Amino acid sequence: QVQLVESGGGLVQAGGSLRLSCAVSARTFSNYPMGWFRQAPGKEREFVAAITWSGYSTDYADSVKGRFTISRDNAENTLYLQMNSLKPEDTAVYYCAAGPKYGTQTYSTDVSYENWGQGTRVTVSS
């Protein structure tokens, strides 16, 4: 079973930066495409970014393009989300997700993912 643990959330002023991390327990982390999603208060969970198992291809929601960068370190079993130029509307709980195993592309729908972390809260003040 794959376990995911997010960290790095917190309170930041608008225009600031945060780097989220997701530690993954899977022995074969590199077999999984990965993604970040977020859920703001009173809203549905939404796609943020995705990356292929190799890290060569990425995909982003329009709302974060040019500000967020997803990356992974397969040797360290860790997924990252670098968030720059943060806005109050980025306030949400951020979740990392793994799957499907052996998937060969990026996935932007939450139903494509098999395993989820518990989330880390990001609050951006204006």
Foldseek 3Di string as FASTA:
>chain_A
DKAKAKDWADEEAAQAKIKMKIAIDDPPLLQKKKFKWWDDPPGDIFGAKTAHSVRPDMDGDPVQPPFWDWGDDRVRRMIMIIGGRDDQVVWTWMKMFIDDGNDGDIDGDPVGTDDIYPTDTHGYHD
